[in-house]
């Protein structure tokens, strides 16, 4: 079987990233609209989305700011929403840890749910790939995603409240997370973590300033860890 060159891996990554545009563009537009409604100007909205490039954390922070939540709650919730990035980074390290520093820095900036999910799945399928090929594939996955995230945000900011509510763009948010999470539910531990987090988030929806989401995430991680530990004992 012929080896995959970095150029071919990059092209393959682009193809893997294209389906995410279905949710990335409206997701970006939602943030643009919310940002303008929160009192930011277009330059501030775009600076926010380019510098942070973390849709869930951005939207959560703005919504809490609109609800006049205490600053500590805004920061804690945004950090909790983005805490998964630390796990993403740890998961990516064995694959791209030997890449040049500038490449690792670029990847750390561009590491989002979509690029991570597509890349890790491919890395598991292609363990023979070298680091150059893996980096090329990752950059391919983000090539269609990042620019369209920026453009979607700009479109939402420019349109503002002119976007009809009947378009229901907010459905893009849960769809985006479903598209990312579903392929990763491959073990009982993953399924247990997702199920517990889902149920807990519904039961804790009454908690102020969306803090129930933080608690639900922690409960989900605990459940997943306990299931994995139990499976390890059974295998032993």
Protein backbone atom coordinates (compact mmCIF):
# COMPACT_ATOMS: atom_id res chain seq x y z
CA UNK A 1 0.00 0.00 0.00
CA UNK A 2 1.51 3.37 -1.02
CA UNK A 3 2.32 5.71 1.85
CA UNK A 4 0.29 8.88 2.32
CA UNK A 5 2.23 12.07 1.62
CA UNK A 6 1.63 15.23 3.68
CA UNK A 7 0.07 16.81 0.58
CA UNK A 8 -2.44 13.98 0.23
CA UNK A 9 -3.11 14.03 3.97
CA UNK A 10 -3.83 17.76 3.80
CA UNK A 11 -6.33 17.24 0.98
CA UNK A 12 -7.93 14.39 2.92
CA UNK A 13 -8.20 16.65 5.96
CA UNK A 14 -9.99 19.31 3.94
CA UNK A 15 -12.55 16.75 2.79
CA UNK A 16 -13.05 15.63 6.39
CA UNK A 17 -13.61 19.21 7.54
CA UNK A 18 -16.13 20.22 4.87
CA UNK A 19 -19.20 18.53 6.44
CA UNK A 20 -18.72 20.61 9.59
CA UNK A 21 -19.55 23.77 7.63
CA UNK A 22 -23.23 22.85 7.86
CA UNK A 23 -23.15 23.79 11.53
CA UNK A 24 -20.06 26.03 11.76
CA UNK A 25 -21.48 28.82 9.58
CA UNK A 26 -24.82 29.21 11.41
CA UNK A 27 -23.02 28.71 14.73
CA UNK A 28 -20.74 31.63 13.86
CA UNK A 29 -23.73 33.69 12.75
CA UNK A 30 -25.40 33.08 16.11
CA UNK A 31 -22.37 34.45 17.92
CA UNK A 32 -22.32 37.48 15.64
CA UNK A 33 -25.96 38.23 16.40
CA UNK A 34 -25.57 37.66 20.14
CA UNK A 35 -22.45 39.81 20.22
CA UNK A 36 -24.22 42.75 18.61
CA UNK A 37 -27.23 42.30 20.90
CA UNK A 38 -24.86 42.36 23.88
CA UNK A 39 -23.67 45.83 22.89
CA UNK A 40 -20.40 44.97 21.16
CA UNK A 41 -19.50 46.66 17.89
CA UNK A 42 -18.46 44.71 14.80
CA UNK A 43 -14.75 45.16 15.49
CA UNK A 44 -15.16 43.84 19.04
CA UNK A 45 -17.24 40.89 17.88
CA UNK A 46 -14.66 39.92 15.26
CA UNK A 47 -11.74 40.40 17.65
CA UNK A 48 -13.51 38.17 20.16
CA UNK A 49 -14.13 35.41 17.63
CA UNK A 50 -10.64 35.55 16.05
CA UNK A 51 -8.71 35.68 19.31
CA UNK A 52 -10.77 33.16 21.26
CA UNK A 53 -12.05 30.87 18.46
CA UNK A 54 -14.14 28.86 20.93
CA UNK A 55 -17.79 29.13 20.01
CA UNK A 56 -19.33 27.48 23.05
CA UNK A 57 -17.29 29.51 25.53
CA UNK A 58 -17.89 32.73 23.58
CA UNK A 59 -21.66 32.32 23.48
CA UNK A 60 -21.83 31.20 27.10
CA UNK A 61 -19.79 34.19 28.28
CA UNK A 62 -21.90 36.69 26.33
CA UNK A 63 -25.17 35.21 27.54
CA UNK A 64 -24.01 35.37 31.14
CA UNK A 65 -22.86 38.96 30.63
CA UNK A 66 -26.32 39.81 29.29
CA UNK A 67 -27.81 38.23 32.41
CA UNK A 68 -25.57 40.48 34.54
CA UNK A 69 -23.85 37.47 36.06
CA UNK A 70 -20.90 38.18 38.39
CA UNK A 71 -17.56 38.35 36.61
CA UNK A 72 -16.26 35.35 38.54
CA UNK A 73 -19.20 33.27 37.30
CA UNK A 74 -18.63 34.38 33.70
CA UNK A 75 -14.94 33.47 33.87
CA UNK A 76 -15.47 30.19 35.71
CA UNK A 77 -18.20 29.04 33.34
CA UNK A 78 -16.23 29.98 30.22
CA UNK A 79 -13.19 28.15 31.57
CA UNK A 80 -15.31 25.12 32.42
CA UNK A 81 -16.81 25.04 28.93
CA UNK A 82 -13.32 25.24 27.47
CA UNK A 83 -11.72 22.81 29.93
CA UNK A 84 -12.05 20.06 27.34
CA UNK A 85 -9.32 21.81 25.33
CA UNK A 86 -6.78 20.71 27.93
CA UNK A 87 -7.86 17.11 27.39
CA UNK A 88 -7.74 17.61 23.63
CA UNK A 89 -4.18 18.91 23.91
CA UNK A 90 -3.10 15.96 26.04
CA UNK A 91 -4.66 13.58 23.54
CA UNK A 92 -2.91 15.27 20.61
CA UNK A 93 0.53 15.40 22.25
CA UNK A 94 1.56 11.82 21.43
CA UNK A 95 0.79 12.50 17.77
CA UNK A 96 2.26 15.96 17.15
CA UNK A 97 4.47 16.46 20.20
CA UNK A 98 7.66 16.24 18.14
CA UNK A 99 6.53 18.80 15.55
CA UNK A 100 8.40 22.14 15.39
CA UNK A 101 7.38 24.67 18.04
CA UNK A 102 5.72 27.03 15.56
CA UNK A 103 3.55 24.21 14.24
CA UNK A 104 2.51 23.17 17.74
CA UNK A 105 1.71 26.80 18.57
CA UNK A 106 -0.42 27.10 15.43
CA UNK A 107 -2.22 23.85 16.20
CA UNK A 108 -2.89 24.97 19.78
CA UNK A 109 -4.62 28.07 18.42
CA UNK A 110 -6.59 26.16 15.79
CA UNK A 111 -7.52 23.25 18.06
CA UNK A 112 -11.31 23.27 18.10
CA UNK A 113 -13.87 20.51 18.50
CA UNK A 114 -14.16 19.81 14.80
CA UNK A 115 -10.45 19.70 13.97
CA UNK A 116 -9.73 17.60 17.04
CA UNK A 117 -12.49 15.05 16.43
CA UNK A 118 -11.62 14.54 12.77
CA UNK A 119 -7.88 14.36 13.41
CA UNK A 120 -7.87 11.96 16.35
CA UNK A 121 -10.18 9.53 14.57
CA UNK A 122 -7.89 9.54 11.53
CA UNK A 123 -4.75 9.16 13.65
CA UNK A 124 -6.22 6.04 15.21
CA UNK A 125 -6.97 4.68 11.74
CA UNK A 126 -3.48 5.54 10.45
CA UNK A 127 -1.00 4.80 13.26
CA UNK A 128 1.79 4.50 10.67
CA UNK A 129 1.63 8.20 9.74
CA UNK A 130 4.65 10.29 10.67
CA UNK A 131 4.36 13.63 12.45
CA UNK A 132 4.57 15.70 9.23
CA UNK A 133 1.65 13.79 7.75
CA UNK A 134 -0.39 14.14 10.94
CA UNK A 135 0.22 17.88 11.10
CA UNK A 136 -0.75 18.24 7.44
CA UNK A 137 -3.99 16.34 8.03
CA UNK A 138 -4.88 18.48 11.04
CA UNK A 139 -4.26 21.69 9.10
CA UNK A 140 -6.44 20.31 6.33
CA UNK A 141 -9.36 19.72 8.70
CA UNK A 142 -9.26 23.30 9.96
CA UNK A 143 -8.75 24.94 6.55
CA UNK A 144 -12.46 25.06 5.66
CA UNK A 145 -13.64 25.46 9.27
CA UNK A 146 -11.76 28.48 10.63
CA UNK A 147 -12.33 30.91 7.71
CA UNK A 148 -16.03 30.05 7.55
CA UNK A 149 -16.32 30.48 11.32
CA UNK A 150 -14.94 34.00 10.94
CA UNK A 151 -17.16 34.75 7.93
CA UNK A 152 -20.23 33.31 9.65
CA UNK A 153 -19.58 35.54 12.65
CA UNK A 154 -19.14 38.56 10.40
CA UNK A 155 -22.38 37.77 8.55
CA UNK A 156 -24.25 37.48 11.84
CA UNK A 157 -22.77 40.71 13.16
CA UNK A 158 -23.66 42.59 9.98
CA UNK A 159 -27.17 41.17 9.82
CA UNK A 160 -27.79 41.53 13.54
CA UNK A 161 -31.43 41.30 14.47
CA UNK A 162 -32.40 41.38 10.78
CA UNK A 163 -32.10 37.57 10.75
CA UNK A 164 -35.67 36.24 11.16
CA UNK A 165 -36.29 34.17 14.28
CA UNK A 166 -38.09 31.66 12.04
CA UNK A 167 -34.69 30.62 10.66
CA UNK A 168 -33.96 29.03 14.06
CA UNK A 169 -30.19 29.35 13.71
CA UNK A 170 -29.81 28.43 17.36
CA UNK A 171 -30.41 24.80 16.41
CA UNK A 172 -26.86 24.82 15.01
CA UNK A 173 -25.38 24.85 18.52
CA UNK A 174 -26.68 21.46 19.70
CA UNK A 175 -26.23 20.01 16.21
CA UNK A 176 -22.57 21.02 16.22
CA UNK A 177 -21.93 19.29 19.53
CA UNK A 178 -23.87 16.19 18.47
CA UNK A 179 -21.83 15.91 15.28
CA UNK A 180 -18.65 16.10 17.35
CA UNK A 181 -19.61 13.88 20.28
CA UNK A 182 -21.45 11.06 18.50
CA UNK A 183 -18.44 9.53 16.68
CA UNK A 184 -16.52 9.42 19.95
CA UNK A 185 -19.08 7.32 21.84
CA UNK A 186 -17.28 4.07 21.20
CA UNK A 187 -16.86 2.55 24.67
CA UNK A 188 -19.16 1.98 27.67
CA UNK A 189 -17.18 4.63 29.59
CA UNK A 190 -17.82 7.23 26.88
CA UNK A 191 -21.52 6.37 26.73
CA UNK A 192 -21.87 6.46 30.52
CA UNK A 193 -20.17 9.85 30.72
CA UNK A 194 -22.42 11.31 28.01
CA UNK A 195 -25.60 9.83 29.50
CA UNK A 196 -24.90 11.00 33.05
CA UNK A 197 -23.90 14.48 31.86
CA UNK A 198 -27.08 14.74 29.76
CA UNK A 199 -29.41 13.64 32.54
CA UNK A 200 -27.63 15.77 35.14
CA UNK A 201 -27.77 18.87 32.94
CA UNK A 202 -31.55 18.46 32.65
CA UNK A 203 -32.01 17.87 36.37
CA UNK A 204 -29.76 20.79 37.30
CA UNK A 205 -31.21 23.26 34.80
CA UNK A 206 -32.66 25.23 37.72
CA UNK A 207 -29.22 26.29 38.94
CA UNK A 208 -28.40 29.98 38.35
CA UNK A 209 -26.10 31.29 35.61
CA UNK A 210 -25.87 27.87 33.89
CA UNK A 211 -23.71 26.50 36.69
CA UNK A 212 -25.68 23.28 36.35
CA UNK A 213 -23.78 22.64 33.13
CA UNK A 214 -20.48 22.74 35.02
CA UNK A 215 -21.78 20.33 37.65
CA UNK A 216 -23.23 18.02 34.99
CA UNK A 217 -19.92 17.90 33.15
CA UNK A 218 -18.07 16.97 36.32
CA UNK A 219 -20.59 14.25 37.15
CA UNK A 220 -20.27 12.88 33.61
CA UNK A 221 -16.48 12.69 33.87
CA UNK A 222 -16.73 10.95 37.24
CA UNK A 223 -19.20 8.42 35.84
CA UNK A 224 -17.01 7.71 32.82
CA UNK A 225 -13.94 7.25 35.00
CA UNK A 226 -15.77 4.88 37.35
CA UNK A 227 -17.06 2.75 34.46
CA UNK A 228 -13.58 2.57 32.96
CA UNK A 229 -12.11 1.61 36.34
CA UNK A 230 -14.73 -1.10 36.81
CA UNK A 231 -14.04 -2.50 33.34
CA UNK A 232 -10.32 -2.55 34.11
CA UNK A 233 -10.92 -4.56 37.30
CA UNK A 234 -13.15 -7.00 35.44
CA UNK A 235 -10.56 -7.49 32.70
CA UNK A 236 -7.90 -8.16 35.32
